[in-house]
Protein backbone atom coordinates (compact mmCIF):
# COMPACT_ATOMS: atom_id res chain seq x y z
CA MET A 1 10.09 -15.47 -62.66
CA THR A 2 8.96 -18.74 -62.84
CA LYS A 3 5.04 -19.92 -62.45
CA GLU A 4 6.16 -21.96 -59.60
CA LEU A 5 8.39 -18.85 -57.87
CA ARG A 6 5.26 -16.57 -58.16
CA ARG A 7 2.96 -19.12 -56.71
CA LEU A 8 5.31 -19.62 -53.92
CA SER A 9 6.03 -15.91 -53.53
CA ILE A 10 2.26 -15.66 -53.56
CA LEU A 11 1.89 -18.31 -50.63
CA MET A 12 4.86 -16.31 -48.89
CA LEU A 13 2.87 -12.53 -48.91
CA ILE A 14 -0.25 -14.48 -47.69
CA MET A 15 1.48 -16.26 -44.92
CA PHE A 16 3.30 -12.90 -44.03
CA LEU A 17 -0.51 -10.91 -44.26
CA ALA A 18 -1.83 -13.60 -42.03
CA LEU A 19 0.88 -13.16 -39.59
CA PHE A 20 1.31 -9.84 -39.77
CA ALA A 21 -2.54 -9.52 -39.18
CA SER A 22 -2.71 -12.20 -36.02
CA THR A 23 0.17 -10.54 -34.66
CA SER A 24 -1.60 -6.88 -34.72
CA TRP A 25 -5.14 -8.48 -33.58
CA ILE A 26 -3.50 -9.81 -30.77
CA GLN A 27 -1.18 -6.92 -29.45
CA VAL A 28 -3.98 -4.19 -30.07
CA VAL A 29 -7.41 -5.78 -30.10
CA GLU A 30 -7.23 -8.70 -27.35
CA ALA A 31 -3.99 -6.97 -25.61
CA ASP A 32 -6.38 -6.07 -22.71
CA ALA A 33 -8.15 -9.41 -22.06
CA LEU A 34 -5.04 -11.24 -22.38
CA SER A 35 -3.22 -9.00 -19.99
CA ALA A 36 -5.93 -9.32 -17.76
CA ASN A 37 -6.00 -13.11 -18.03
CA PRO A 38 -4.74 -14.58 -14.58
CA ALA A 39 -3.57 -17.58 -16.14
CA ASN A 40 -1.02 -15.19 -18.75
CA ARG A 41 1.85 -15.49 -16.17
CA ARG A 42 4.17 -13.72 -18.58
CA ALA A 43 1.86 -10.46 -18.39
CA LEU A 44 2.38 -10.86 -14.67
CA TYR A 45 6.39 -10.92 -15.11
CA ASP A 46 6.16 -8.26 -17.72
CA SER A 47 4.46 -5.91 -15.30
CA TYR A 48 7.13 -6.34 -12.81
CA GLU A 49 10.19 -5.42 -15.16
CA VAL A 50 8.65 -2.25 -16.03
CA GLN A 51 8.57 0.91 -13.59
CA ARG A 52 5.16 0.88 -12.49
CA GLY A 53 3.11 3.71 -12.72
CA SER A 54 2.01 5.67 -9.71
CA ILE A 55 -1.42 5.71 -7.93
CA ILE A 56 -2.58 9.19 -7.52
CA ALA A 57 -5.14 10.98 -5.57
CA SER A 58 -5.22 14.89 -5.29
CA GLY A 59 -1.55 15.20 -7.00
CA ILE A 60 -0.42 12.91 -4.31
CA PRO A 61 1.50 9.71 -4.80
CA ILE A 62 -0.52 6.76 -2.68
CA ALA A 63 1.50 4.17 -4.62
CA SER A 64 4.71 4.27 -6.58
CA SER A 65 7.85 2.29 -7.45
CA VAL A 66 11.29 2.52 -6.20
CA PRO A 67 14.10 0.22 -7.31
CA SER A 68 14.75 -3.05 -5.83
CA ASP A 69 18.03 -4.61 -5.43
CA ASP A 70 16.29 -8.19 -6.33
CA VAL A 71 15.37 -10.12 -9.56
CA TYR A 72 12.06 -7.85 -9.56
CA SER A 73 13.88 -4.57 -10.41
CA TRP A 74 11.26 -2.74 -8.91
CA GLN A 75 9.54 -2.71 -5.33
CA ARG A 76 6.18 -0.83 -4.76
CA GLN A 77 5.36 1.13 -1.85
CA TYR A 78 2.66 3.06 -0.31
CA PRO A 79 2.79 6.55 2.13
CA ASP A 80 -0.19 6.28 4.33
CA ALA A 81 -0.89 2.81 3.71
CA PRO A 82 -3.75 2.00 6.05
CA MET A 83 -5.54 4.99 5.41
CA TRP A 84 -5.30 3.74 1.50
CA ALA A 85 -5.16 0.30 1.37
CA HIS A 86 -8.65 -0.84 0.85
CA VAL A 87 -8.30 1.92 -2.60
CA THR A 88 -4.91 0.78 -3.72
CA GLY A 89 -4.85 -2.78 -2.70
CA TRP A 90 -1.07 -4.55 -3.36
CA ILE A 91 1.14 -6.05 -5.81
CA ASN A 92 3.32 -8.58 -5.04
CA PRO A 93 5.80 -10.27 -7.44
CA VAL A 94 6.80 -13.08 -5.12
CA LEU A 95 3.46 -14.16 -4.48
CA GLY A 96 1.81 -13.20 -7.76
CA SER A 97 -0.93 -11.45 -5.94
CA SER A 98 -2.84 -8.38 -6.37
CA THR A 99 -5.98 -6.22 -5.53
CA GLY A 100 -7.67 -3.05 -5.07
CA ILE A 101 -6.85 -0.51 -7.93
CA GLU A 102 -3.46 -2.48 -8.28
CA GLN A 103 -5.30 -5.36 -9.87
CA ALA A 104 -8.13 -3.75 -11.68
CA MET A 105 -5.94 -1.23 -13.28
CA ASN A 106 -2.63 -3.24 -13.76
CA GLN A 107 -2.85 -2.91 -17.61
CA ALA A 108 -2.17 0.82 -17.26
CA LEU A 109 -0.12 0.61 -14.09
CA SER A 110 2.25 -1.94 -16.08
CA GLY A 111 2.33 -0.24 -19.77
CA THR A 112 0.67 -3.26 -21.31
CA SER A 113 -2.70 -1.90 -22.18
CA GLY A 114 -3.98 -1.77 -25.72
CA SER A 115 -4.56 2.37 -25.63
CA GLN A 116 -0.52 1.95 -24.77
CA PHE A 117 0.69 0.19 -27.70
CA LEU A 118 2.12 3.10 -30.06
CA SER A 119 3.64 4.30 -26.67
CA ARG A 120 5.67 1.12 -26.27
CA ILE A 121 6.74 1.20 -29.88
CA GLU A 122 7.94 4.21 -29.61
CA ARG A 123 9.88 3.50 -26.25
CA ILE A 124 11.66 0.33 -28.41
CA ILE A 125 12.28 2.76 -31.28
CA THR A 126 13.99 5.53 -29.32
CA GLY A 127 15.48 3.23 -26.74
CA GLN A 128 13.85 4.19 -23.78
CA PRO A 129 13.22 1.83 -20.76
CA PRO A 130 9.55 0.61 -20.24
CA ARG A 131 7.45 2.44 -18.02
CA GLY A 132 3.55 2.15 -16.76
CA SER A 133 1.70 4.89 -16.66
CA ASN A 134 0.00 7.10 -14.04
CA VAL A 135 -3.76 6.24 -12.94
CA VAL A 136 -5.54 9.51 -11.23
CA LEU A 137 -7.88 8.74 -9.17
CA SER A 138 -11.04 10.95 -8.03
CA LEU A 139 -10.39 10.76 -4.23
CA ASP A 140 -10.02 13.70 -2.42
CA ALA A 141 -6.97 13.37 -0.26
CA ASP A 142 -8.61 15.73 3.02
CA VAL A 143 -11.78 13.67 2.40
CA GLN A 144 -10.11 10.81 2.69
CA ARG A 145 -8.55 11.58 5.96
CA ALA A 146 -11.65 12.89 7.74
CA ALA A 147 -13.20 9.91 6.61
CA TYR A 148 -10.52 7.75 7.92
CA GLU A 149 -9.80 9.92 11.27
CA ALA A 150 -13.83 10.36 11.92
CA LEU A 151 -13.97 6.09 11.48
CA GLY A 152 -10.95 5.64 13.82
CA SER A 153 -10.99 2.28 15.44
CA LEU A 154 -14.35 1.88 14.57
CA GLN A 155 -15.26 -1.52 12.61
CA GLY A 156 -16.98 -0.44 9.50
CA ALA A 157 -16.45 1.77 6.39
CA VAL A 158 -17.22 5.32 5.01
CA ILE A 159 -17.90 6.18 1.21
CA ALA A 160 -18.78 9.91 -0.24
CA ILE A 161 -19.28 10.17 -3.58
CA GLU A 162 -20.25 13.53 -5.66
CA PRO A 163 -23.93 13.26 -6.67
CA ALA A 164 -24.03 14.84 -10.49
CA THR A 165 -20.76 12.81 -11.57
CA GLY A 166 -20.56 9.21 -9.27
CA ARG A 167 -16.84 10.31 -8.42
CA VAL A 168 -16.10 8.92 -5.33
CA LEU A 169 -14.31 11.30 -3.21
CA ALA A 170 -13.65 8.97 -0.14
CA MET A 171 -13.36 5.27 0.49
CA VAL A 172 -12.50 3.90 4.00
CA SER A 173 -12.94 0.65 5.52
CA SER A 174 -11.56 -0.37 9.02
CA PRO A 175 -9.94 -2.58 10.41
CA SER A 176 -7.15 -1.49 7.83
CA PHE A 177 -3.19 -3.39 7.29
CA ASP A 178 0.32 -2.05 5.57
CA THR A 179 0.14 -2.73 2.40
CA ASN A 180 3.82 -2.25 2.42
CA LEU A 181 4.08 -5.68 4.47
CA LEU A 182 2.09 -7.15 1.76
CA ALA A 183 4.15 -6.06 -1.21
CA GLN A 184 7.54 -7.03 0.14
CA HIS A 185 9.56 -9.29 -1.70
CA ASP A 186 10.74 -11.23 1.20
CA SER A 187 8.32 -14.63 0.42
CA ASP A 188 8.19 -15.66 4.28
CA ALA A 189 7.37 -12.44 5.52
CA ALA A 190 5.03 -11.62 2.90
CA LEU A 191 2.98 -15.10 3.41
CA GLY A 192 2.91 -14.42 7.30
CA ALA A 193 1.26 -11.25 7.30
CA TYR A 194 -1.17 -11.91 4.51
CA GLU A 195 -2.02 -15.18 6.97
CA ALA A 196 -2.17 -13.09 10.03
CA LEU A 197 -4.37 -10.70 8.72
CA GLU A 198 -7.08 -13.69 7.06
CA ALA A 199 -6.84 -15.59 10.61
CA ASP A 200 -7.73 -11.88 11.99
CA PRO A 201 -11.63 -12.21 13.22
CA ALA A 202 -12.10 -8.76 12.37
CA HIS A 203 -11.28 -9.44 8.92
CA PRO A 204 -9.54 -6.43 7.77
CA LEU A 205 -8.94 -7.64 4.19
CA PHE A 206 -12.44 -7.17 4.29
CA ASP A 207 -13.41 -3.53 1.92
CA ARG A 208 -16.41 -2.76 4.26
CA SER A 209 -17.33 -0.09 1.64
CA ILE A 210 -18.17 -2.08 -1.37
CA GLY A 211 -17.97 -5.59 0.22
CA GLY A 212 -17.30 -7.91 2.83
CA ASP A 213 -19.93 -9.75 5.12
CA LEU A 214 -23.30 -7.52 4.02
CA ASN A 215 -25.42 -5.98 6.54
CA PRO A 216 -29.04 -5.31 7.05
CA PRO A 217 -29.36 -1.07 6.39
CA GLY A 218 -31.95 -1.02 8.73
CA SER A 219 -33.87 2.42 8.60
CA THR A 220 -31.59 4.09 5.89
CA PHE A 221 -33.68 1.36 3.84
CA LYS A 222 -37.04 3.61 4.54
CA LEU A 223 -35.95 6.07 1.52
CA VAL A 224 -35.95 3.58 -0.89
CA VAL A 225 -39.40 2.58 0.67
CA ALA A 226 -40.65 6.34 0.64
CA SER A 227 -39.44 6.74 -2.81
CA ALA A 228 -41.47 3.48 -3.91
CA ALA A 229 -44.60 4.98 -2.34
CA LEU A 230 -44.16 8.54 -4.21
CA ALA A 231 -43.04 6.73 -7.62
CA SER A 232 -46.51 4.76 -7.64
CA GLY A 233 -48.67 7.74 -7.95
CA ASP A 234 -50.69 6.37 -5.24
CA TYR A 235 -48.69 8.44 -2.22
CA THR A 236 -47.50 11.43 -1.34
CA PRO A 237 -45.56 12.68 1.63
CA GLU A 238 -48.79 13.57 3.74
CA SER A 239 -50.56 10.21 2.84
CA GLN A 240 -51.57 8.99 6.15
CA ILE A 241 -50.90 5.14 7.71
CA PRO A 242 -52.68 3.57 10.60
CA ASN A 243 -50.52 4.74 13.84
CA LEU A 244 -50.16 1.45 15.75
CA ALA A 245 -48.22 0.43 18.90
CA VAL A 246 -48.15 -2.83 18.11
CA TYR A 247 -47.71 -4.52 14.15
CA GLN A 248 -48.74 -8.14 13.84
CA LEU A 249 -46.95 -9.48 10.64
CA PRO A 250 -48.98 -10.92 8.36
CA GLN A 251 -49.57 -14.67 8.39
CA SER A 252 -47.53 -14.81 11.20
CA THR A 253 -47.48 -14.64 14.94
CA ALA A 254 -44.28 -12.13 15.17
CA VAL A 255 -44.91 -8.49 16.05
CA VAL A 256 -42.86 -5.51 15.23
CA HIS A 257 -42.83 -2.56 17.67
CA ASN A 258 -41.34 1.10 17.01
CA ALA A 259 -37.85 1.76 18.14
CA GLY A 260 -39.05 3.49 21.31
CA GLY A 261 -42.25 1.84 21.74
CA GLY A 262 -45.62 3.08 21.75
CA THR A 263 -47.16 4.52 18.71
CA CYS A 264 -45.61 6.88 16.03
CA GLY A 265 -46.32 10.44 17.82
CA GLY A 266 -49.80 11.36 18.58
CA GLY A 267 -53.32 10.37 16.60
CA ALA A 268 -54.91 7.83 15.23
CA THR A 269 -52.73 8.22 11.81
CA VAL A 270 -49.44 8.95 10.76
CA SER A 271 -47.89 10.93 7.35
CA ILE A 272 -45.40 9.25 5.45
CA ALA A 273 -43.12 12.42 6.45
CA ASP A 274 -43.53 12.21 9.93
CA ALA A 275 -43.12 8.34 9.91
CA LEU A 276 -40.10 8.75 8.19
CA ARG A 277 -38.71 11.82 10.34
CA LEU A 278 -39.00 10.18 13.43
CA SER A 279 -38.05 6.95 11.55
CA CYS A 280 -41.09 4.68 13.28
CA ASN A 281 -40.97 0.77 11.70
CA ILE A 282 -44.50 0.01 12.03
CA PRO A 283 -45.97 2.45 9.68
CA PHE A 284 -43.30 1.52 7.04
CA ALA A 285 -43.76 -2.16 7.65
CA GLN A 286 -47.39 -1.56 6.69
CA LEU A 287 -46.60 0.72 3.73
CA ALA A 288 -44.11 -2.08 2.77
CA VAL A 289 -46.82 -4.66 2.58
CA GLU A 290 -49.58 -2.35 0.81
CA LEU A 291 -46.87 -1.48 -2.08
CA GLY A 292 -45.65 -4.75 -2.72
CA ASP A 293 -42.62 -6.54 -2.72
CA ASN A 294 -42.47 -5.95 -6.21
CA ALA A 295 -43.04 -2.20 -6.39
CA ILE A 296 -40.25 -1.97 -3.85
CA ARG A 297 -37.71 -4.46 -5.69
CA GLU A 298 -38.23 -2.39 -8.74
CA GLU A 299 -37.38 0.67 -7.34
CA ALA A 300 -34.77 -0.77 -5.19
CA GLU A 301 -32.75 -1.68 -8.69
CA LYS A 302 -33.09 1.66 -9.98
CA TYR A 303 -30.63 2.83 -7.22
CA GLY A 304 -28.26 -0.21 -7.94
CA PHE A 305 -29.78 -2.90 -5.71
CA ASN A 306 -28.84 -6.34 -7.12
CA ALA A 307 -26.24 -5.03 -9.36
CA SER A 308 -22.37 -4.94 -9.12
CA PHE A 309 -20.72 -1.79 -10.16
CA ASP A 310 -17.16 -1.43 -11.35
CA VAL A 311 -15.72 1.23 -9.90
CA PRO A 312 -13.12 -0.50 -11.16
CA MET A 313 -13.18 -3.18 -8.20
CA ALA A 314 -15.97 -4.73 -8.55
CA SER A 315 -18.58 -4.19 -5.49
CA THR A 316 -20.50 -6.89 -4.16
CA PRO A 317 -24.23 -6.53 -5.12
CA SER A 318 -26.67 -5.04 -2.67
CA SER A 319 -29.88 -7.36 -2.11
CA TYR A 320 -33.35 -7.50 -2.28
CA PRO A 321 -34.56 -10.78 -3.36
CA ARG A 322 -37.28 -12.19 -5.82
CA ALA A 323 -40.38 -13.58 -4.39
CA LEU A 324 -41.17 -12.15 -0.91
CA ASP A 325 -44.15 -13.21 1.24
CA ASP A 326 -45.85 -10.58 2.97
CA PRO A 327 -44.35 -11.09 6.40
CA GLN A 328 -40.67 -10.61 5.24
CA THR A 329 -41.68 -7.58 2.43
CA ALA A 330 -43.14 -6.20 6.42
CA LEU A 331 -39.55 -6.42 7.44
CA THR A 332 -37.75 -5.03 4.59
CA GLY A 333 -39.88 -1.99 5.03
CA PHE A 334 -37.71 -0.60 7.87
CA GLY A 335 -34.28 -2.51 6.45
CA GLN A 336 -34.71 -5.50 8.22
CA GLY A 337 -35.29 -9.31 7.16
CA GLN A 338 -33.60 -10.26 4.20
CA VAL A 339 -32.19 -7.39 2.35
CA THR A 340 -28.64 -6.02 2.72
CA ALA A 341 -26.69 -3.39 1.19
CA THR A 342 -23.23 -1.83 1.02
CA PRO A 343 -21.74 1.53 1.90
CA LEU A 344 -21.90 2.28 -1.94
CA GLN A 345 -25.27 1.03 -2.53
CA MET A 346 -26.54 3.32 0.26
CA ALA A 347 -24.51 6.18 -0.92
CA MET A 348 -25.93 6.19 -3.87
CA VAL A 349 -29.55 5.92 -2.54
CA SER A 350 -28.72 9.65 -1.10
CA ALA A 351 -26.83 10.67 -4.34
CA GLY A 352 -29.61 9.78 -6.46
CA ILE A 353 -32.51 11.70 -4.34
CA ALA A 354 -29.98 14.81 -3.91
CA ASN A 355 -29.34 14.51 -7.78
CA ARG A 356 -32.89 15.13 -8.65
CA GLY A 357 -33.89 11.49 -9.02
CA ILE A 358 -30.96 10.64 -11.28
CA VAL A 359 -28.34 7.41 -10.17
CA MET A 360 -25.29 8.00 -11.40
CA SER A 361 -22.46 4.84 -11.61
CA PRO A 362 -19.99 5.24 -9.16
CA ARG A 363 -16.08 5.43 -10.26
CA LEU A 364 -12.80 5.85 -8.71
CA VAL A 365 -10.56 6.43 -11.51
CA ASP A 366 -10.62 9.99 -13.45
CA ARG A 367 -7.79 9.10 -15.88
CA VAL A 368 -4.66 7.70 -17.04
CA ILE A 369 -1.72 9.42 -18.05
CA GLY A 370 1.59 8.32 -19.45
CA SER A 371 5.00 9.12 -18.03
CA ASP A 372 5.38 11.92 -20.47
CA LEU A 373 2.08 13.58 -19.13
CA SER A 374 -0.13 13.07 -22.12
CA VAL A 375 -3.65 11.97 -21.04
CA GLN A 376 -3.91 8.29 -22.90
CA GLU A 377 -7.38 7.63 -21.30
CA THR A 378 -9.90 9.77 -19.45
CA PHE A 379 -13.50 8.17 -17.56
CA ASP A 380 -16.56 9.34 -18.10
CA ASP A 381 -19.79 10.28 -15.91
CA VAL A 382 -22.46 7.48 -16.75
CA GLU A 383 -25.91 7.77 -15.72
CA PHE A 384 -26.95 4.43 -14.04
CA GLU A 385 -30.97 4.90 -13.70
CA ARG A 386 -33.57 7.53 -13.05
CA ALA A 387 -35.20 6.56 -9.78
CA LEU A 388 -37.38 9.29 -9.42
CA GLU A 389 -38.72 12.50 -11.83
CA ASP A 390 -37.71 15.80 -10.59
CA ASP A 391 -40.76 16.82 -8.65
CA LEU A 392 -41.00 13.60 -6.41
CA ALA A 393 -36.87 13.63 -5.77
CA ALA A 394 -37.50 17.25 -4.38
CA GLU A 395 -40.12 16.14 -2.10
CA MET A 396 -37.67 13.31 -0.98
CA ILE A 397 -35.23 15.85 -0.21
CA ALA A 398 -37.41 17.99 1.76
CA MET A 399 -37.92 15.26 4.02
CA MET A 400 -34.63 13.96 4.27
CA VAL A 401 -33.74 17.62 5.17
CA ALA A 402 -36.44 17.73 8.08
CA ASN A 403 -34.96 14.46 9.47
CA VAL A 404 -31.74 16.06 10.03
CA ASN A 405 -33.53 19.70 11.04
CA GLU A 406 -35.88 18.36 13.40
CA GLY A 407 -35.96 14.75 13.25
CA ALA A 408 -34.17 11.54 14.01
CA ALA A 409 -30.80 12.36 12.04
CA SER A 410 -30.02 15.21 14.13
CA GLY A 411 -26.56 13.95 14.66
CA ALA A 412 -25.15 15.28 11.41
CA ARG A 413 -26.76 18.84 11.72
CA ILE A 414 -23.91 21.63 10.13
CA ASP A 415 -24.13 24.85 11.40
CA GLY A 416 -25.64 27.13 8.46
CA VAL A 417 -26.02 24.25 5.96
CA ASP A 418 -29.05 22.51 5.12
CA VAL A 419 -27.98 18.55 5.22
CA GLY A 420 -30.72 15.57 4.00
CA GLY A 421 -30.03 12.35 5.95
CA LYS A 422 -31.68 9.27 7.34
CA THR A 423 -30.49 7.31 10.39
CA GLY A 424 -30.46 3.28 10.27
CA THR A 425 -29.89 1.37 13.62
CA ALA A 426 -30.31 -2.34 12.25
CA GLU A 427 -30.67 -5.56 14.64
CA ASN A 428 -28.94 -8.88 14.14
CA GLY A 429 -30.30 -11.18 16.27
CA PRO A 430 -31.41 -11.58 19.90
CA GLY A 431 -28.42 -10.28 22.31
CA ARG A 432 -26.25 -9.14 19.04
CA PRO A 433 -24.73 -5.85 18.82
CA TYR A 434 -26.73 -3.53 16.20
CA THR A 435 -25.08 -2.11 13.15
CA LEU A 436 -25.33 1.42 13.05
CA TRP A 437 -25.99 3.17 9.55
CA PHE A 438 -26.05 7.01 8.29
CA THR A 439 -26.64 8.12 4.56
CA GLY A 440 -27.18 11.50 3.96
CA PHE A 441 -25.99 14.55 1.60
CA ALA A 442 -24.89 18.58 1.69
CA PRO A 443 -26.02 21.14 1.03
CA ALA A 444 -29.80 19.99 0.42
CA ASP A 445 -29.88 23.06 -2.37
CA ASN A 446 -26.69 22.25 -4.80
CA PRO A 447 -25.46 18.88 -3.19
CA ARG A 448 -21.79 18.27 -3.23
CA VAL A 449 -21.49 15.17 -1.43
CA ALA A 450 -23.40 11.96 -0.49
CA VAL A 451 -22.08 9.83 2.02
CA ALA A 452 -23.03 6.65 3.47
CA VAL A 453 -21.44 5.45 6.90
CA VAL A 454 -21.66 2.08 8.74
CA VAL A 455 -20.44 1.10 11.80
CA GLU A 456 -20.59 -2.84 12.89
CA ASP A 457 -20.16 -4.53 16.67
CA GLY A 458 -22.68 -1.25 18.03
CA GLY A 459 -19.81 0.89 17.32
CA GLY A 460 -18.63 -1.15 20.80
CA GLN A 461 -21.68 -0.57 22.67
CA GLY A 462 -23.55 -3.54 21.61
CA GLN A 463 -27.08 -2.61 21.40
CA SER A 464 -27.01 1.04 23.47
CA GLY A 465 -25.59 2.93 20.11
CA SER A 466 -27.57 4.29 17.63
CA GLY A 467 -27.00 5.55 14.12
CA ASN A 468 -27.87 9.26 15.38
CA THR A 469 -25.08 9.11 17.97
CA ILE A 470 -22.35 7.18 16.46
CA ALA A 471 -23.22 6.82 12.75
CA ALA A 472 -24.16 10.42 11.72
CA PRO A 473 -21.34 12.34 13.64
CA ILE A 474 -18.69 10.81 11.20
CA ALA A 475 -21.03 11.32 8.15
CA LYS A 476 -20.94 15.19 9.59
CA ARG A 477 -17.57 15.48 9.40
CA VAL A 478 -16.59 13.84 6.13
CA MET A 479 -19.23 15.91 4.64
CA GLU A 480 -17.54 19.09 6.47
CA ALA A 481 -14.21 18.06 5.02
CA VAL A 482 -16.15 18.37 1.44
CA LEU A 483 -17.67 21.75 2.18
CA GLY A 484 -14.32 23.32 3.67
CA ARG A 485 -15.82 23.59 7.06
C-alpha cells in the first residue's frame, strides 16, 4: 500500500469513527433532550407512526391507541375521560399539541426514550413494528373515582398522596372535559372543542390540583405557622398568646377578627394548640409577627413553598413572598395576604407532618414497561426536606387529631379512625365567595394517605359555606376509599 493510500485509509477511518461517535452520542446521550424539544417536528411525527404505549392506573388502561384509517395510523382513546383528563392530558397530531402525562412522558410512550435505544434496534433487526412503552401510574383507580364523585360539580380540586413515599393516589380537578374531543383527527372539530374550553369562564383546562390561578390557603396555612413556631425552639403547643377580640395590624389602621367574632374561647390568653383547634385568626396573626416573615418563609420552603415539582407535569410554585412587612406577615399567619397555595402543596404539608417531619417529593409515575412486559425504568421515592424533628412532628400530629376530634375540622371524622386535619375558609375580597379548604391525613398512628381539597366559588354558597361543611366531607370520602371503608 502506498503512503498516500495509507494516509487516505487512516483519514477515512478517523472520519468513520467520528461519524459513529457523533451519531451514537445523538442516539443515546442527547436522545431525550432532542425528543423533548418542541421544535423537533421529526420526533413529533415519529411518535404518531408508532403504536403509542398505554397509560395505566391500577392495571387499567386510561389512555391507549387503536388503529386509525388516516395518515396518522393510530388514534388515541381515553375511557372515563373526564375523571382522568388532567392526569392523562391529550395528544393530537393534527393540532400538534399534547398535555399531561401524554406530554411529560412522550418519549417513553412513543418509544423514543434513550433507555429504549436497544429495544428499537432489536425491533429493527427482527422486523417488528415500532411500539411505545406503557407508563404505569401510582394512581389508585378506586381512590380517584371517590375523589371525582365526591367533588362532583363543585369547582375545585382534590389530591391524595402517600406520606411515606410521595406517590400520588388521586388527582382530580373540576370542572373537567372530554379529552377524546381534543385528540380526534378532525382538525376543525378538535380546534372547535379546544376553543370552547379555552373560552369557558370556569377554566376547565386549568389543572387546579397543581396549578391554575392559585388561591390563598386560609387557615390551613396555620399548620405552617405552628410548625415554624415549634421548630424555632421558643414555643410549645401550650405556649400562650394574648386572647384579643379585635387585633389592629401593626403600622396600620386595619383590624382582624376571629371568624366567629369575640375572643378565642375564654381567658386572657390562649394556647397555640387551642388556637389551632378552634381555628382562631387573631392568635396566629400575633404569632406570625412574633416569628417574623423570614422564619415562616423558611419553614414554608421546607414543605415545598416557592418550588415547582415535576410530578412529572410541572406544578405551579406555591408562594410565600420575601420581605413582607409586619401587617402582611400578620395576614399570612392565617393564610391571607400574599400567600397562595396549590392543593398539592397543602397535601405535602399534611404528609410531611404525618411522616414525622420528612417531606417527600410527589410523583405520579411508578415505572415504564415495554410491550414485552420488561421493566425499562423505575421511579424512586425521593426525600425533599426535613421540616420538623420527630418529636415536634408528633406534637403537630396530636394537635391536628384534636382539630378533627373536638375542633373546627369535625367534618372529616371517620368512625374508629384517628384523623388529623385542618380546615380553611379563605376570603377573596368584599362580597366575593370564599375559597374552602381541608388538608389532613389518616390514620394518625400509621398514616396511609394525606389529602388536600380546595373548593372555589364558595361551593355555590357564596360566603355562607365553610371548609368544615364542604371541603372536609370530600376529604373524608377520599380517606375512606384508601382505608377501604
